[in-house]
């Protein structure tokens, strides 16, 4: 247990304050800059700042809120999978959920007219396909089932990513280039409609994980210990996998693939506050939201008139973070 665990309520309050300040700063950043007074007037929607109102309400605010939900959703998904599998390196990518969702969304975007709901449904079907393939391998192993599940997830992830690449190779070039950029992660298509798709699954996953906090803590001990407490580990993991698959699917369908958030953020929270479910879940949600918000700010402001894919930035930051951890432990 971390020595900072006892202070986690204060730390969560500080993170919430940082999140609020970050939201305000993000609304001010962009190709068109506003002073704080203009932002305050535009938020009142009184017609005194028509240009600022349009930019903030139609462009920036949906994007900022989407970044918050995406960061929180990916971080909570990673925290849930890590505690459920007793592996601090587990995340939606490792279980093949992101690759499956990307495959489903890719097929829908090329074959059918592009619609948000159809993309989300296709991504969810792809994520469920990944779960079925992973569990089909893991269920055949009575021993070391968790380790086999993780290895199967890696294999399934590579296989489904290869199928996506194969489909894009034979697709129409313009459509393929558009899908490739989107798969690297972008919030440029954020809207109020995308918020309506992403918000409910993310909130549902967080509430479900908090409701199952005691079961998640019991899984950290061992499956036999969990069974002695009346918990069915296999059924619990299946429910959590389906919930994280739904979150991964809606995020991929709207924002593409964003790596390392579900791995990096829970790892940092666990280092500060330990592995107990409540501080881990709440801390991951807040820190994930702040992290994704500033990654998106970097992606749209680092280069003039050009946007950097989110997955590029998160992969660089995540790789540097874990190289630093490895150097400290070696």
Foldseek 3Di string as FASTA:
>chain_A
DFPQQVVLVVVLVVLVVLLVVLLLVQLQDAPDGDDSVLVVVLVVVPPPNVVSVCCRQWARVLLLVLLLLLLLLQQLQLLLVCLLLVHLQDGCQLLLLLLQLLLQLLVCVQPHPDDLVSSLVRSLVRSVVSVVQLCVQLVVDPPPSSVSSSVSSNVNNVVSNVVSVVVLVPGDVVSSVVSVLQQLWDSRQGGPVLCVQQVPLSVVLLVVCVVCQVLSVQVNVDCVSSVVVVDHSVVVVVVSSSSSSSNSNSCCSNIHDAPDSNNPQLVVQCNNNNSRRPSSSSSSSSVSSSVSSVLQSCQRPVDPPHGDHSNVVNVVVNVVVVVVVVVVVD
